[in-house]
Amino acid sequence: MTGMGDDGAEGLGAIKSAGGMTIAQSEDTCVVSGMPRAAIIKGYANKIIPLDGVAAFLMSNYGAERNPSGKFEKNDKNERTTVTSQRS
């Protein structure tokens, strides 16, 4: 989530208010840190993680396992969340 402005931060806020886990990239690993900074300042980030740690965090907390067919499956199959968009 590197970039300028706060539009991404507002999206993160919507995810957090809906009960989702939110992650902001740490400012020191961003090319442009406006959006992550806005998300952090507004309290929308549950976790602040350096870019090189995001994948490991996601895999260790929400990872997938490869089944014998070679396809990936979500670990928590019974805890799927429906996501809808308010955009038209």
C-alpha atoms as a PDB file:
ATOM      1  CA  MET A   1       0.000   0.000   0.000  1.00  0.00           C
ATOM      2  CA  THR A   2       2.544   2.515  -1.082  1.00  0.00           C
ATOM      3  CA  GLY A   3       1.283   5.730  -2.585  1.00  0.00           C
ATOM      4  CA  MET A   4       0.081   9.274  -2.071  1.00  0.00           C
ATOM      5  CA  GLY A   5      -3.198  10.531  -0.689  1.00  0.00           C
ATOM      6  CA  ASP A   6      -5.590   8.825   1.674  1.00  0.00           C
ATOM      7  CA  ASP A   7      -7.999   6.982  -0.635  1.00  0.00           C
ATOM      8  CA  GLY A   8      -6.343   3.662   0.156  1.00  0.00           C
ATOM      9  CA  ALA A   9      -6.440   4.488   3.849  1.00  0.00           C
ATOM     10  CA  GLU A  10     -10.194   5.038   3.676  1.00  0.00           C
ATOM     11  CA  GLY A  11     -10.613   1.631   2.025  1.00  0.00           C
ATOM     12  CA  LEU A  12      -8.552   0.083   4.809  1.00  0.00           C
ATOM     13  CA  GLY A  13     -10.779   1.828   7.336  1.00  0.00           C
ATOM     14  CA  ALA A  14     -13.860   0.295   5.709  1.00  0.00           C
ATOM     15  CA  ILE A  15     -12.305  -3.169   5.906  1.00  0.00           C
ATOM     16  CA  LYS A  16     -11.384  -2.693   9.570  1.00  0.00           C
ATOM     17  CA  SER A  17     -14.841  -1.365  10.488  1.00  0.00           C
ATOM     18  CA  ALA A  18     -16.360  -4.468   8.854  1.00  0.00           C
ATOM     19  CA  GLY A  19     -14.240  -6.651  11.141  1.00  0.00           C
ATOM     20  CA  GLY A  20     -11.424  -7.436   8.720  1.00  0.00           C
ATOM     21  CA  MET A  21      -7.725  -7.701   9.518  1.00  0.00           C
ATOM     22  CA  THR A  22      -5.852  -4.717   8.115  1.00  0.00           C
ATOM     23  CA  ILE A  23      -2.176  -4.335   7.339  1.00  0.00           C
ATOM     24  CA  ALA A  24      -0.206  -1.203   6.524  1.00  0.00           C
ATOM     25  CA  GLN A  25       3.245  -1.320   5.020  1.00  0.00           C
ATOM     26  CA  SER A  26       5.792   0.278   7.355  1.00  0.00           C
ATOM     27  CA  GLU A  27       6.724   3.758   6.177  1.00  0.00           C
ATOM     28  CA  ASP A  28      10.435   3.014   6.123  1.00  0.00           C
ATOM     29  CA  THR A  29       9.914   0.354   3.406  1.00  0.00           C
ATOM     30  CA  CYS A  30       7.639   2.481   1.170  1.00  0.00           C
ATOM     31  CA  VAL A  31       8.695   4.336  -1.949  1.00  0.00           C
ATOM     32  CA  VAL A  32       5.926   6.840  -1.226  1.00  0.00           C
ATOM     33  CA  SER A  33       4.469   6.626   2.277  1.00  0.00           C
ATOM     34  CA  GLY A  34       1.412   8.912   2.179  1.00  0.00           C
ATOM     35  CA  MET A  35      -1.257   6.203   2.153  1.00  0.00           C
ATOM     36  CA  PRO A  36       0.283   3.942   4.800  1.00  0.00           C
ATOM     37  CA  ARG A  37       0.970   6.970   7.007  1.00  0.00           C
ATOM     38  CA  ALA A  38      -2.663   8.108   6.671  1.00  0.00           C
ATOM     39  CA  ALA A  39      -3.918   4.618   7.565  1.00  0.00           C
ATOM     40  CA  ILE A  40      -1.627   4.412  10.571  1.00  0.00           C
ATOM     41  CA  ILE A  41      -2.492   7.905  11.842  1.00  0.00           C
ATOM     42  CA  LYS A  42      -6.224   7.241  11.484  1.00  0.00           C
ATOM     43  CA  GLY A  43      -5.886   3.973  13.417  1.00  0.00           C
ATOM     44  CA  TYR A  44      -7.017   1.804  10.507  1.00  0.00           C
ATOM     45  CA  ALA A  45      -4.040  -0.588  10.544  1.00  0.00           C
ATOM     46  CA  ASN A  46      -4.223  -3.616  12.842  1.00  0.00           C
ATOM     47  CA  LYS A  47      -0.625  -4.448  11.925  1.00  0.00           C
ATOM     48  CA  ILE A  48       2.254  -2.371  10.533  1.00  0.00           C
ATOM     49  CA  ILE A  49       4.674  -4.631   8.688  1.00  0.00           C
ATOM     50  CA  PRO A  50       7.765  -4.039   6.512  1.00  0.00           C
ATOM     51  CA  LEU A  51       7.192  -4.945   2.866  1.00  0.00           C
ATOM     52  CA  ASP A  52       9.474  -7.983   3.034  1.00  0.00           C
ATOM     53  CA  GLY A  53       7.462  -9.370   5.969  1.00  0.00           C
ATOM     54  CA  VAL A  54       3.933  -9.097   4.547  1.00  0.00           C
ATOM     55  CA  ALA A  55       3.921 -12.409   2.672  1.00  0.00           C
ATOM     56  CA  ALA A  56       5.286 -14.331   5.666  1.00  0.00           C
ATOM     57  CA  PHE A  57       2.683 -12.732   7.959  1.00  0.00           C
ATOM     58  CA  LEU A  58      -0.150 -13.629   5.579  1.00  0.00           C
ATOM     59  CA  MET A  59       1.036 -17.195   5.075  1.00  0.00           C
ATOM     60  CA  SER A  60       1.572 -17.836   8.785  1.00  0.00           C
ATOM     61  CA  ASN A  61      -1.826 -16.424   9.752  1.00  0.00           C
ATOM     62  CA  TYR A  62      -4.038 -17.061   6.727  1.00  0.00           C
ATOM     63  CA  GLY A  63      -1.955 -19.395   4.598  1.00  0.00           C
ATOM     64  CA  ALA A  64      -2.900 -22.051   2.161  1.00  0.00           C
ATOM     65  CA  GLU A  65      -1.744 -25.626   1.944  1.00  0.00           C
ATOM     66  CA  ARG A  66      -1.086 -27.512  -1.260  1.00  0.00           C
ATOM     67  CA  ASN A  67      -3.222 -30.636  -1.535  1.00  0.00           C
ATOM     68  CA  PRO A  68      -2.162 -33.760  -3.482  1.00  0.00           C
ATOM     69  CA  SER A  69      -3.704 -32.431  -6.710  1.00  0.00           C
ATOM     70  CA  GLY A  70      -1.324 -29.454  -6.565  1.00  0.00           C
ATOM     71  CA  LYS A  71      -4.084 -26.929  -5.901  1.00  0.00           C
ATOM     72  CA  PHE A  72      -3.982 -24.539  -2.985  1.00  0.00           C
ATOM     73  CA  GLU A  73      -6.695 -24.657  -0.347  1.00  0.00           C
ATOM     74  CA  LYS A  74      -7.481 -22.176   2.390  1.00  0.00           C
ATOM     75  CA  ASN A  75      -6.700 -23.557   5.866  1.00  0.00           C
ATOM     76  CA  ASP A  76      -9.868 -22.244   7.481  1.00  0.00           C
ATOM     77  CA  LYS A  77     -12.448 -23.444   4.948  1.00  0.00           C
ATOM     78  CA  ASN A  78     -15.302 -23.054   7.424  1.00  0.00           C
ATOM     79  CA  GLU A  79     -14.466 -19.436   8.258  1.00  0.00           C
ATOM     80  CA  ARG A  80     -14.796 -17.756   4.879  1.00  0.00           C
ATOM     81  CA  THR A  81     -15.941 -14.157   4.795  1.00  0.00           C
ATOM     82  CA  THR A  82     -18.159 -12.813   2.055  1.00  0.00           C
ATOM     83  CA  VAL A  83     -16.815  -9.555   0.681  1.00  0.00           C
ATOM     84  CA  THR A  84     -18.997  -7.137  -1.209  1.00  0.00           C
ATOM     85  CA  SER A  85     -18.208  -3.840  -2.845  1.00  0.00           C
ATOM     86  CA  GLN A  86     -20.199  -0.648  -2.486  1.00  0.00           C
ATOM     87  CA  ARG A  87     -18.881   0.580  -5.818  1.00  0.00           C
ATOM     88  CA  SER A  88     -21.271   0.680  -8.741  1.00  0.00           C
END
